[in-house]
Protein backbone atom coordinates (compact mmCIF):
# COMPACT_ATOMS: atom_id res chain seq x y z
CA UNK A 1 0.00 0.00 0.00
CA UNK A 2 1.38 3.42 -0.99
CA UNK A 3 1.68 5.85 1.90
CA UNK A 4 2.79 8.96 0.03
CA UNK A 5 2.87 10.11 -3.61
CA UNK A 6 4.91 12.81 -5.32
CA UNK A 7 3.33 15.76 -7.12
CA UNK A 8 3.28 13.86 -10.42
CA UNK A 9 1.45 10.93 -8.88
CA UNK A 10 4.36 8.49 -8.58
CA UNK A 11 4.86 6.59 -5.35
CA UNK A 12 7.66 7.94 -3.18
CA UNK A 13 10.41 5.38 -2.46
CA UNK A 14 10.73 4.29 1.16
CA UNK A 15 14.01 6.18 1.57
CA UNK A 16 12.40 9.44 0.49
CA UNK A 17 9.48 8.73 2.80
CA UNK A 18 11.83 8.32 5.76
CA UNK A 19 13.75 11.47 4.81
CA UNK A 20 10.47 13.39 4.64
CA UNK A 21 9.56 12.22 8.13
CA UNK A 22 12.98 13.40 9.33
CA UNK A 23 12.45 16.85 7.82
CA UNK A 24 9.04 17.14 9.48
CA UNK A 25 10.57 16.21 12.83
CA UNK A 26 13.31 18.85 12.39
CA UNK A 27 10.71 21.50 11.61
CA UNK A 28 8.78 20.63 14.75
CA UNK A 29 11.92 20.95 16.86
CA UNK A 30 13.12 24.13 15.13
CA UNK A 31 9.86 25.96 15.64
CA UNK A 32 9.24 24.40 19.09
CA UNK A 33 5.80 23.22 18.13
CA UNK A 34 3.97 21.36 20.87
CA UNK A 35 7.12 20.42 22.76
CA UNK A 36 5.13 18.83 25.55
CA UNK A 37 3.56 16.31 23.18
CA UNK A 38 7.04 15.29 21.99
CA UNK A 39 7.95 14.43 25.58
CA UNK A 40 4.82 12.30 25.72
CA UNK A 41 5.48 10.16 22.65
CA UNK A 42 7.08 7.30 24.61
CA UNK A 43 4.59 7.36 27.55
CA UNK A 44 1.66 7.50 25.10
CA UNK A 45 3.09 4.63 23.05
CA UNK A 46 3.56 2.55 26.20
CA UNK A 47 0.03 3.46 27.32
CA UNK A 48 -1.35 2.15 24.04
CA UNK A 49 0.65 -1.07 24.25
CA UNK A 50 -0.56 -1.69 27.80
CA UNK A 51 -4.27 -1.56 27.06
CA UNK A 52 -6.31 -4.13 28.96
CA UNK A 53 -6.73 -6.53 26.04
CA UNK A 54 -2.96 -6.75 25.55
CA UNK A 55 -2.23 -7.21 29.23
CA UNK A 56 -4.82 -9.98 29.49
CA UNK A 57 -3.77 -11.77 26.31
CA UNK A 58 0.02 -11.53 26.54
CA UNK A 59 0.43 -11.69 30.33
CA UNK A 60 -2.36 -14.06 31.33
CA UNK A 61 -3.91 -16.20 28.59
CA UNK A 62 -0.58 -16.91 26.86
CA UNK A 63 0.79 -18.33 30.12
CA UNK A 64 -0.15 -21.56 31.90
CA UNK A 65 -3.09 -21.11 34.25
CA UNK A 66 -2.00 -19.66 37.62
CA UNK A 67 1.57 -19.20 36.38
CA UNK A 68 3.70 -17.06 38.72
CA UNK A 69 7.19 -15.58 38.76
CA UNK A 70 9.30 -15.21 41.89
CA UNK A 71 10.40 -11.58 42.32
CA UNK A 72 11.85 -9.53 45.20
CA UNK A 73 9.10 -7.54 46.93
CA UNK A 74 10.91 -4.32 46.01
CA UNK A 75 9.80 -4.94 42.40
CA UNK A 76 6.13 -4.79 43.42
CA UNK A 77 5.54 -1.07 42.86
CA UNK A 78 1.90 0.02 43.12
CA UNK A 79 -0.13 3.24 43.00
CA UNK A 80 -0.22 3.44 46.77
CA UNK A 81 3.59 3.38 46.86
CA UNK A 82 3.59 6.52 44.72
CA UNK A 83 1.11 8.20 47.07
CA UNK A 84 3.26 7.34 50.09
CA UNK A 85 6.45 8.62 48.45
CA UNK A 86 4.77 11.87 47.49
CA UNK A 87 3.24 12.43 50.93
CA UNK A 88 5.81 11.02 53.35
CA UNK A 89 9.09 11.43 51.51
CA UNK A 90 8.31 14.48 49.36
CA UNK A 91 9.81 12.78 46.30
CA UNK A 92 9.44 14.88 43.14
CA UNK A 93 7.69 13.59 40.02
CA UNK A 94 10.87 13.23 37.97
CA UNK A 95 12.47 10.98 40.58
CA UNK A 96 9.28 8.93 40.87
CA UNK A 97 9.27 8.38 37.11
CA UNK A 98 12.88 7.19 37.21
CA UNK A 99 12.12 4.82 40.09
CA UNK A 100 9.07 3.47 38.25
CA UNK A 101 11.12 3.03 35.07
CA UNK A 102 13.88 1.19 36.92
CA UNK A 103 11.38 -1.14 38.60
CA UNK A 104 9.40 -1.72 35.40
CA UNK A 105 12.33 -2.67 33.23
CA UNK A 106 13.63 -5.04 35.91
CA UNK A 107 10.18 -6.64 36.07
CA UNK A 108 10.08 -7.07 32.29
CA UNK A 109 13.56 -8.60 32.32
CA UNK A 110 12.31 -11.11 34.91
CA UNK A 111 9.40 -12.01 32.64
CA UNK A 112 11.61 -12.30 29.54
CA UNK A 113 13.96 -14.59 31.43
CA UNK A 114 11.28 -17.30 31.63
CA UNK A 115 10.19 -17.04 27.98
CA UNK A 116 11.62 -18.82 24.96
CA UNK A 117 12.08 -16.23 22.15
CA UNK A 118 11.47 -18.70 19.31
CA UNK A 119 8.35 -20.25 20.83
CA UNK A 120 6.50 -18.09 23.34
CA UNK A 121 3.85 -15.77 21.81
CA UNK A 122 4.41 -13.10 24.48
CA UNK A 123 8.16 -12.69 23.99
CA UNK A 124 7.98 -10.01 21.26
CA UNK A 125 5.36 -8.00 23.13
CA UNK A 126 7.39 -8.06 26.36
CA UNK A 127 10.56 -7.14 24.48
CA UNK A 128 8.78 -4.14 22.89
CA UNK A 129 7.63 -2.91 26.30
CA UNK A 130 11.18 -3.21 27.63
CA UNK A 131 12.60 -1.27 24.67
CA UNK A 132 10.16 1.62 25.24
CA UNK A 133 10.89 1.82 28.97
CA UNK A 134 14.64 1.59 28.38
CA UNK A 135 14.37 4.59 26.05
CA UNK A 136 12.33 6.52 28.62
CA UNK A 137 14.78 5.81 31.45
CA UNK A 138 17.77 6.74 29.28
CA UNK A 139 16.25 10.18 28.73
CA UNK A 140 15.62 10.89 32.43
CA UNK A 141 17.82 13.05 34.65
CA UNK A 142 19.69 11.48 37.61
CA UNK A 143 17.58 11.32 40.79
CA UNK A 144 17.79 14.12 43.36
CA UNK A 145 16.24 12.25 46.27
CA UNK A 146 18.64 10.18 48.37
CA UNK A 147 15.75 7.85 49.17
CA UNK A 148 15.19 7.18 45.45
CA UNK A 149 18.92 6.74 44.83
CA UNK A 150 19.10 4.03 47.48
CA UNK A 151 15.85 2.42 46.32
CA UNK A 152 17.08 2.19 42.72
CA UNK A 153 20.32 0.58 43.95
CA UNK A 154 18.21 -2.04 45.74
CA UNK A 155 16.11 -2.57 42.61
CA UNK A 156 19.23 -3.15 40.52
CA UNK A 157 20.96 -5.31 43.15
CA UNK A 158 18.41 -6.94 45.48
CA UNK A 159 19.82 -8.21 48.75
CA UNK A 160 19.84 -11.96 49.41
CA UNK A 161 17.74 -11.30 52.51
CA UNK A 162 15.01 -9.49 50.54
CA UNK A 163 11.64 -11.19 50.74
CA UNK A 164 10.55 -13.01 47.59
CA UNK A 165 6.97 -13.18 46.39
CA UNK A 166 5.35 -15.26 43.66
CA UNK A 167 3.37 -12.94 41.39
CA UNK A 168 1.32 -13.43 38.23
CA UNK A 169 2.94 -11.75 35.17
CA UNK A 170 -0.25 -9.81 34.51
CA UNK A 171 -0.25 -8.40 38.05
CA UNK A 172 3.29 -7.12 37.56
CA UNK A 173 2.42 -5.47 34.24
CA UNK A 174 -0.86 -4.13 35.67
CA UNK A 175 1.23 -2.30 38.28
CA UNK A 176 3.42 -0.86 35.54
CA UNK A 177 0.34 0.43 33.69
CA UNK A 178 -1.44 1.88 36.71
CA UNK A 179 1.63 3.74 37.97
CA UNK A 180 2.26 5.02 34.42
CA UNK A 181 -1.19 6.62 34.54
CA UNK A 182 -0.50 8.27 37.89
CA UNK A 183 2.86 9.68 36.79
CA UNK A 184 1.90 10.86 33.29
CA UNK A 185 -1.87 11.36 33.17
CA UNK A 186 -1.77 15.12 33.72
CA UNK A 187 1.37 15.93 31.71
CA UNK A 188 0.39 13.71 28.78
CA UNK A 189 -3.41 13.61 29.12
CA UNK A 190 -3.48 9.83 29.48
CA UNK A 191 -6.81 8.17 30.17
CA UNK A 192 -7.55 4.90 31.90
CA UNK A 193 -9.07 2.99 29.01
CA UNK A 194 -9.19 -0.37 30.78
CA UNK A 195 -11.81 -2.70 29.41
CA UNK A 196 -13.28 -5.65 31.25
CA UNK A 197 -14.08 -7.43 28.02
CA UNK A 198 -12.28 -10.76 27.92
CA UNK A 199 -10.15 -11.27 24.76
CA UNK A 200 -11.08 -14.17 22.55
CA UNK A 201 -8.59 -16.94 23.29
CA UNK A 202 -8.68 -20.68 22.70
CA UNK A 203 -9.68 -22.91 25.60
CA UNK A 204 -6.72 -24.32 27.47
CA UNK A 205 -6.16 -27.23 29.74
CA UNK A 206 -5.16 -26.39 33.28
CA UNK A 207 -1.39 -26.27 33.79
CA UNK A 208 0.53 -26.16 37.07
CA UNK A 209 2.08 -22.96 38.39
CA UNK A 210 5.84 -22.99 37.89
CA UNK A 211 8.55 -20.34 37.52
CA UNK A 212 10.60 -22.32 34.99
CA UNK A 213 11.19 -21.28 31.36
CA UNK A 214 8.24 -21.75 29.04
């Protein structure tokens, strides 16, 4: 399917199409058009990827029934944790976003570690989520809060004594999505578009819960 055509009606080659997109991007930056929306491209893309249907299909129905992954409790980062950090520790929004990003990419790495790239239908989806969050974290400033600095160190290098909890992959990714909404909903006008409609998936036989590679 042709995306663009030249003035004489001929289809533009792909290289010219990509160059045209680059020129448009340079014009946006040069004239500082809607700079806030540019900052929201990655969060909005992630928001779209994490819609309810995707989370249910790729993180629940593509896994054995009741499948769980063992993760340190420090990787269980919920909306209420954000509220507590804002109220009790006075952590600024930028530091909270970096902490969320650090937790989320570690969580996704844990999920990828139990998937077989050539076989598991959720591997590509999980890898795409990780790539987006990696890009977001790479663009963030270093944290100012000493509390967040120490928490990120614990996220990256959990202590042997840290409590471990078995968690469903969907619950981990649900946390990622819900905290994303809290941290970016105002700046990027994100809406909670969760749907309770169950995706159409084939019936499956019941499989045991196990944290081994699948």
